[in-house]
Amino acid sequence: MPNYREEVDTVLRALADPTRRAVVERLSKSPAVVSELLAPFSMALPSLLQHLRVLEDARVVTSSKQGRVRTVSLRPGALDVLHVWLGEQRTTAERQADRLGIHLARSTTKEI
């Protein structure tokens, strides 16, 4: 269990910065080269590389280099640990309301 909590903490710390969240949002569409990731930000390349290093250390992104071009990708399943953790934080009342909503939706569908 401690490893799980450490992983959640690491990913949350990595995503705490708005620049890193913007990079993850961009990478959710498709992999991108570093220069493409840098374009929307008014920062120097070394600053972006620091952000990418934090995301890589948190195992949120991966990168590969071919020649002088580095391509960055969102690691498949990287954010699953957050999904699981958030699901565990839902209250019993929320779960019951979800079940009621599913029941009502099924009842309405049967009537039609």
N, C-alpha and C. Protein backbone atom coordinates (compact mmCIF):
# COMPACT_ATOMS: atom_id res chain seq x y z
N MET A 1 0.80 -1.21 0.00
CA MET A 1 0.00 0.00 0.00
C MET A 1 0.84 1.28 0.00
N PRO A 2 2.00 1.34 0.69
CA PRO A 2 2.80 2.56 0.69
C PRO A 2 3.23 2.97 -0.72
N ASN A 3 3.58 2.00 -1.57
CA ASN A 3 3.99 2.32 -2.93
C ASN A 3 2.86 3.01 -3.70
N TYR A 4 1.64 2.53 -3.50
CA TYR A 4 0.47 3.11 -4.15
C TYR A 4 0.31 4.58 -3.75
N ARG A 5 0.43 4.86 -2.46
CA ARG A 5 0.30 6.24 -1.97
C ARG A 5 1.43 7.11 -2.50
N GLU A 6 2.62 6.58 -2.57
CA GLU A 6 3.74 7.34 -3.12
C GLU A 6 3.50 7.67 -4.58
N GLU A 7 2.97 6.72 -5.32
CA GLU A 7 2.68 6.95 -6.74
C GLU A 7 1.62 8.04 -6.91
N VAL A 8 0.58 8.00 -6.09
CA VAL A 8 -0.46 9.04 -6.14
C VAL A 8 0.17 10.40 -5.83
N ASP A 9 0.97 10.46 -4.77
CA ASP A 9 1.62 11.71 -4.38
C ASP A 9 2.51 12.25 -5.50
N THR A 10 3.27 11.37 -6.11
CA THR A 10 4.20 11.78 -7.17
C THR A 10 3.44 12.34 -8.38
N VAL A 11 2.39 11.65 -8.77
CA VAL A 11 1.61 12.11 -9.94
C VAL A 11 0.90 13.43 -9.61
N LEU A 12 0.34 13.54 -8.41
CA LEU A 12 -0.33 14.79 -8.05
C LEU A 12 0.65 15.97 -8.00
N ARG A 13 1.85 15.73 -7.47
CA ARG A 13 2.86 16.80 -7.45
C ARG A 13 3.23 17.21 -8.87
N ALA A 14 3.38 16.23 -9.74
CA ALA A 14 3.74 16.53 -11.13
C ALA A 14 2.66 17.34 -11.82
N LEU A 15 1.40 17.05 -11.51
CA LEU A 15 0.29 17.74 -12.18
C LEU A 15 -0.15 19.01 -11.45
N ALA A 16 0.53 19.34 -10.37
CA ALA A 16 0.17 20.54 -9.61
C ALA A 16 0.50 21.82 -10.38
N ASP A 17 1.41 21.75 -11.31
CA ASP A 17 1.82 22.92 -12.07
C ASP A 17 0.97 23.07 -13.33
N PRO A 18 0.45 24.28 -13.60
CA PRO A 18 -0.42 24.47 -14.76
C PRO A 18 0.28 24.21 -16.10
N THR A 19 1.57 24.48 -16.18
CA THR A 19 2.30 24.21 -17.43
C THR A 19 2.33 22.72 -17.69
N ARG A 20 2.62 21.94 -16.66
CA ARG A 20 2.67 20.49 -16.84
C ARG A 20 1.30 19.92 -17.16
N ARG A 21 0.25 20.48 -16.56
CA ARG A 21 -1.11 20.01 -16.90
C ARG A 21 -1.41 20.34 -18.37
N ALA A 22 -0.99 21.50 -18.83
CA ALA A 22 -1.22 21.87 -20.23
C ALA A 22 -0.46 20.93 -21.17
N VAL A 23 0.73 20.54 -20.80
CA VAL A 23 1.51 19.60 -21.60
C VAL A 23 0.79 18.25 -21.66
N VAL A 24 0.29 17.78 -20.52
CA VAL A 24 -0.43 16.50 -20.48
C VAL A 24 -1.70 16.59 -21.33
N GLU A 25 -2.41 17.71 -21.24
CA GLU A 25 -3.62 17.88 -22.07
C GLU A 25 -3.27 17.80 -23.55
N ARG A 26 -2.18 18.45 -23.95
CA ARG A 26 -1.75 18.43 -25.34
C ARG A 26 -1.38 17.01 -25.76
N LEU A 27 -0.63 16.31 -24.90
CA LEU A 27 -0.19 14.97 -25.23
C LEU A 27 -1.32 13.95 -25.23
N SER A 28 -2.44 14.28 -24.60
CA SER A 28 -3.59 13.36 -24.62
C SER A 28 -4.17 13.24 -26.02
N LYS A 29 -3.88 14.21 -26.88
CA LYS A 29 -4.36 14.16 -28.27
C LYS A 29 -3.44 13.31 -29.13
N SER A 30 -2.12 13.47 -28.97
CA SER A 30 -1.13 12.71 -29.74
C SER A 30 0.26 13.05 -29.24
N PRO A 31 1.23 12.20 -29.52
CA PRO A 31 2.61 12.53 -29.16
C PRO A 31 3.05 13.81 -29.87
N ALA A 32 4.05 14.47 -29.32
CA ALA A 32 4.53 15.73 -29.91
C ALA A 32 6.03 15.87 -29.70
N VAL A 33 6.66 16.58 -30.62
CA VAL A 33 8.08 16.89 -30.46
C VAL A 33 8.20 18.06 -29.48
N VAL A 34 9.35 18.17 -28.84
CA VAL A 34 9.55 19.18 -27.80
C VAL A 34 9.30 20.58 -28.32
N SER A 35 9.77 20.88 -29.53
CA SER A 35 9.56 22.24 -30.06
C SER A 35 8.09 22.57 -30.22
N GLU A 36 7.29 21.57 -30.55
CA GLU A 36 5.83 21.76 -30.66
C GLU A 36 5.22 22.02 -29.28
N LEU A 37 5.70 21.31 -28.27
CA LEU A 37 5.21 21.52 -26.91
C LEU A 37 5.60 22.89 -26.37
N LEU A 38 6.74 23.39 -26.79
CA LEU A 38 7.24 24.68 -26.32
C LEU A 38 6.46 25.86 -26.91
N ALA A 39 5.95 25.70 -28.12
CA ALA A 39 5.34 26.81 -28.87
C ALA A 39 4.31 27.65 -28.10
N PRO A 40 3.35 27.06 -27.39
CA PRO A 40 2.34 27.90 -26.73
C PRO A 40 2.82 28.61 -25.47
N PHE A 41 4.03 28.33 -25.01
CA PHE A 41 4.51 28.91 -23.76
C PHE A 41 5.57 29.98 -24.02
N SER A 42 5.58 30.98 -23.17
CA SER A 42 6.61 32.01 -23.27
C SER A 42 7.71 31.68 -22.25
N MET A 43 8.44 30.61 -22.55
CA MET A 43 9.52 30.19 -21.67
C MET A 43 10.66 29.66 -22.53
N ALA A 44 11.82 29.61 -21.94
CA ALA A 44 12.98 29.09 -22.63
C ALA A 44 12.93 27.56 -22.67
N LEU A 45 13.61 26.98 -23.64
CA LEU A 45 13.63 25.53 -23.79
C LEU A 45 14.09 24.82 -22.52
N PRO A 46 15.14 25.27 -21.83
CA PRO A 46 15.55 24.57 -20.61
C PRO A 46 14.44 24.52 -19.55
N SER A 47 13.61 25.53 -19.48
CA SER A 47 12.50 25.53 -18.52
C SER A 47 11.49 24.45 -18.86
N LEU A 48 11.15 24.34 -20.14
CA LEU A 48 10.21 23.29 -20.55
C LEU A 48 10.81 21.92 -20.30
N LEU A 49 12.10 21.77 -20.57
CA LEU A 49 12.75 20.48 -20.34
C LEU A 49 12.69 20.08 -18.87
N GLN A 50 12.78 21.05 -17.97
CA GLN A 50 12.63 20.75 -16.55
C GLN A 50 11.23 20.23 -16.24
N HIS A 51 10.22 20.86 -16.85
CA HIS A 51 8.84 20.40 -16.66
C HIS A 51 8.68 18.97 -17.19
N LEU A 52 9.25 18.71 -18.36
CA LEU A 52 9.16 17.37 -18.94
C LEU A 52 9.88 16.34 -18.06
N ARG A 53 10.99 16.74 -17.47
CA ARG A 53 11.72 15.82 -16.58
C ARG A 53 10.86 15.45 -15.38
N VAL A 54 10.15 16.42 -14.81
CA VAL A 54 9.26 16.13 -13.67
C VAL A 54 8.18 15.14 -14.10
N LEU A 55 7.60 15.36 -15.27
CA LEU A 55 6.55 14.45 -15.76
C LEU A 55 7.12 13.06 -16.05
N GLU A 56 8.34 13.00 -16.57
CA GLU A 56 8.97 11.70 -16.82
C GLU A 56 9.31 10.99 -15.51
N ASP A 57 9.83 11.72 -14.54
CA ASP A 57 10.16 11.13 -13.25
C ASP A 57 8.91 10.58 -12.55
N ALA A 58 7.77 11.23 -12.79
CA ALA A 58 6.50 10.78 -12.22
C ALA A 58 5.87 9.67 -13.06
N ARG A 59 6.55 9.29 -14.14
CA ARG A 59 6.09 8.25 -15.06
C ARG A 59 4.75 8.60 -15.72
N VAL A 60 4.54 9.90 -15.95
CA VAL A 60 3.33 10.35 -16.64
C VAL A 60 3.58 10.38 -18.14
N VAL A 61 4.80 10.75 -18.55
CA VAL A 61 5.15 10.80 -19.97
C VAL A 61 6.41 9.98 -20.21
N THR A 62 6.60 9.63 -21.47
CA THR A 62 7.84 9.00 -21.92
C THR A 62 8.35 9.80 -23.09
N SER A 63 9.64 9.67 -23.36
CA SER A 63 10.19 10.36 -24.52
C SER A 63 11.19 9.46 -25.22
N SER A 64 11.34 9.72 -26.50
CA SER A 64 12.33 8.99 -27.30
C SER A 64 13.02 10.00 -28.21
N LYS A 65 14.27 9.72 -28.52
CA LYS A 65 15.05 10.65 -29.33
C LYS A 65 15.49 9.94 -30.59
N GLN A 66 15.24 10.60 -31.71
CA GLN A 66 15.69 10.09 -33.00
C GLN A 66 16.47 11.22 -33.66
N GLY A 67 17.75 11.06 -33.73
CA GLY A 67 18.60 12.14 -34.22
C GLY A 67 18.59 13.27 -33.21
N ARG A 68 18.20 14.46 -33.67
CA ARG A 68 18.12 15.61 -32.77
C ARG A 68 16.70 15.91 -32.32
N VAL A 69 15.78 15.05 -32.69
CA VAL A 69 14.37 15.29 -32.40
C VAL A 69 13.90 14.40 -31.26
N ARG A 70 13.39 15.01 -30.19
CA ARG A 70 12.85 14.27 -29.05
C ARG A 70 11.32 14.33 -29.13
N THR A 71 10.70 13.16 -29.13
CA THR A 71 9.25 13.04 -29.17
C THR A 71 8.76 12.61 -27.79
N VAL A 72 7.74 13.28 -27.32
CA VAL A 72 7.18 13.01 -25.98
C VAL A 72 5.78 12.44 -26.15
N SER A 73 5.48 11.41 -25.35
CA SER A 73 4.17 10.76 -25.40
C SER A 73 3.62 10.62 -23.99
N LEU A 74 2.31 10.64 -23.88
CA LEU A 74 1.65 10.34 -22.62
C LEU A 74 1.76 8.84 -22.41
N ARG A 75 2.20 8.42 -21.25
CA ARG A 75 2.37 6.99 -20.97
C ARG A 75 0.99 6.37 -20.77
N PRO A 76 0.66 5.32 -21.51
CA PRO A 76 -0.65 4.68 -21.36
C PRO A 76 -0.88 4.25 -19.92
N GLY A 77 -2.03 4.59 -19.39
CA GLY A 77 -2.39 4.21 -18.04
C GLY A 77 -1.73 5.04 -16.95
N ALA A 78 -1.01 6.09 -17.33
CA ALA A 78 -0.26 6.89 -16.36
C ALA A 78 -1.16 7.53 -15.31
N LEU A 79 -2.36 7.88 -15.69
CA LEU A 79 -3.24 8.58 -14.77
C LEU A 79 -4.25 7.64 -14.10
N ASP A 80 -4.14 6.35 -14.38
CA ASP A 80 -5.06 5.38 -13.78
C ASP A 80 -5.00 5.40 -12.26
N VAL A 81 -3.81 5.61 -11.71
CA VAL A 81 -3.67 5.62 -10.26
C VAL A 81 -4.52 6.73 -9.64
N LEU A 82 -4.65 7.86 -10.35
CA LEU A 82 -5.51 8.95 -9.85
C LEU A 82 -6.98 8.57 -9.95
N HIS A 83 -7.33 7.92 -11.03
CA HIS A 83 -8.72 7.48 -11.22
C HIS A 83 -9.13 6.54 -10.09
N VAL A 84 -8.26 5.60 -9.77
CA VAL A 84 -8.54 4.65 -8.70
C VAL A 84 -8.64 5.38 -7.37
N TRP A 85 -7.68 6.26 -7.10
CA TRP A 85 -7.68 6.98 -5.83
C TRP A 85 -8.92 7.85 -5.68
N LEU A 86 -9.29 8.57 -6.73
CA LEU A 86 -10.48 9.41 -6.68
C LEU A 86 -11.74 8.57 -6.47
N GLY A 87 -11.78 7.41 -7.11
CA GLY A 87 -12.92 6.51 -6.93
C GLY A 87 -13.05 6.05 -5.49
N GLU A 88 -11.91 5.83 -4.84
CA GLU A 88 -11.94 5.41 -3.43
C GLU A 88 -12.42 6.53 -2.51
N GLN A 89 -12.31 7.76 -2.96
CA GLN A 89 -12.67 8.90 -2.11
C GLN A 89 -14.15 9.24 -2.18
N ARG A 90 -14.84 8.65 -3.12
CA ARG A 90 -16.27 8.93 -3.24
C ARG A 90 -17.01 8.43 -2.01
N THR A 91 -17.98 9.17 -1.59
CA THR A 91 -18.72 8.80 -0.39
C THR A 91 -19.76 7.72 -0.70
N THR A 92 -20.20 7.07 0.32
CA THR A 92 -21.24 6.05 0.19
C THR A 92 -22.51 6.66 -0.40
N ALA A 93 -22.85 7.87 0.01
CA ALA A 93 -24.05 8.54 -0.50
C ALA A 93 -23.95 8.74 -2.02
N GLU A 94 -22.76 9.12 -2.50
CA GLU A 94 -22.58 9.30 -3.94
C GLU A 94 -22.78 7.98 -4.68
N ARG A 95 -22.24 6.90 -4.12
CA ARG A 95 -22.39 5.59 -4.75
C ARG A 95 -23.86 5.17 -4.79
N GLN A 96 -24.58 5.44 -3.69
CA GLN A 96 -26.00 5.09 -3.64
C GLN A 96 -26.79 5.92 -4.64
N ALA A 97 -26.46 7.20 -4.76
CA ALA A 97 -27.14 8.06 -5.73
C ALA A 97 -26.87 7.58 -7.15
N ASP A 98 -25.64 7.12 -7.41
CA ASP A 98 -25.32 6.59 -8.73
C ASP A 98 -26.16 5.35 -9.03
N ARG A 99 -26.27 4.46 -8.04
CA ARG A 99 -27.07 3.25 -8.24
C ARG A 99 -28.54 3.61 -8.47
N LEU A 100 -29.04 4.59 -7.73
CA LEU A 100 -30.43 5.03 -7.92
C LEU A 100 -30.61 5.59 -9.33
N GLY A 101 -29.67 6.38 -9.77
CA GLY A 101 -29.74 6.94 -11.12
C GLY A 101 -29.76 5.86 -12.19
N ILE A 102 -28.94 4.83 -12.02
CA ILE A 102 -28.93 3.72 -12.97
C ILE A 102 -30.26 2.99 -12.94
N HIS A 103 -30.79 2.76 -11.75
CA HIS A 103 -32.08 2.08 -11.61
C HIS A 103 -33.19 2.88 -12.30
N LEU A 104 -33.22 4.18 -12.05
CA LEU A 104 -34.26 5.04 -12.65
C LEU A 104 -34.12 5.08 -14.17
N ALA A 105 -32.90 5.10 -14.67
CA ALA A 105 -32.69 5.11 -16.10
C ALA A 105 -33.18 3.82 -16.73
N ARG A 106 -32.94 2.71 -16.09
CA ARG A 106 -33.41 1.41 -16.60
C ARG A 106 -34.93 1.34 -16.55
N SER A 107 -35.53 1.86 -15.48
CA SER A 107 -36.98 1.83 -15.33
C SER A 107 -37.64 2.66 -16.42
N THR A 108 -37.06 3.83 -16.70
CA THR A 108 -37.61 4.71 -17.73
C THR A 108 -37.50 4.07 -19.10
N THR A 109 -36.40 3.39 -19.37
CA THR A 109 -36.19 2.73 -20.65
C THR A 109 -37.19 1.61 -20.84
N LYS A 110 -37.52 0.86 -19.79
CA LYS A 110 -38.47 -0.25 -19.88
C LYS A 110 -39.87 0.23 -20.17
N GLU A 111 -40.21 1.43 -19.68
CA GLU A 111 -41.55 1.98 -19.87
C GLU A 111 -41.78 2.42 -21.30
N ILE A 112 -40.71 2.77 -21.98
CA ILE A 112 -40.84 3.29 -23.36
C ILE A 112 -41.03 2.20 -24.34
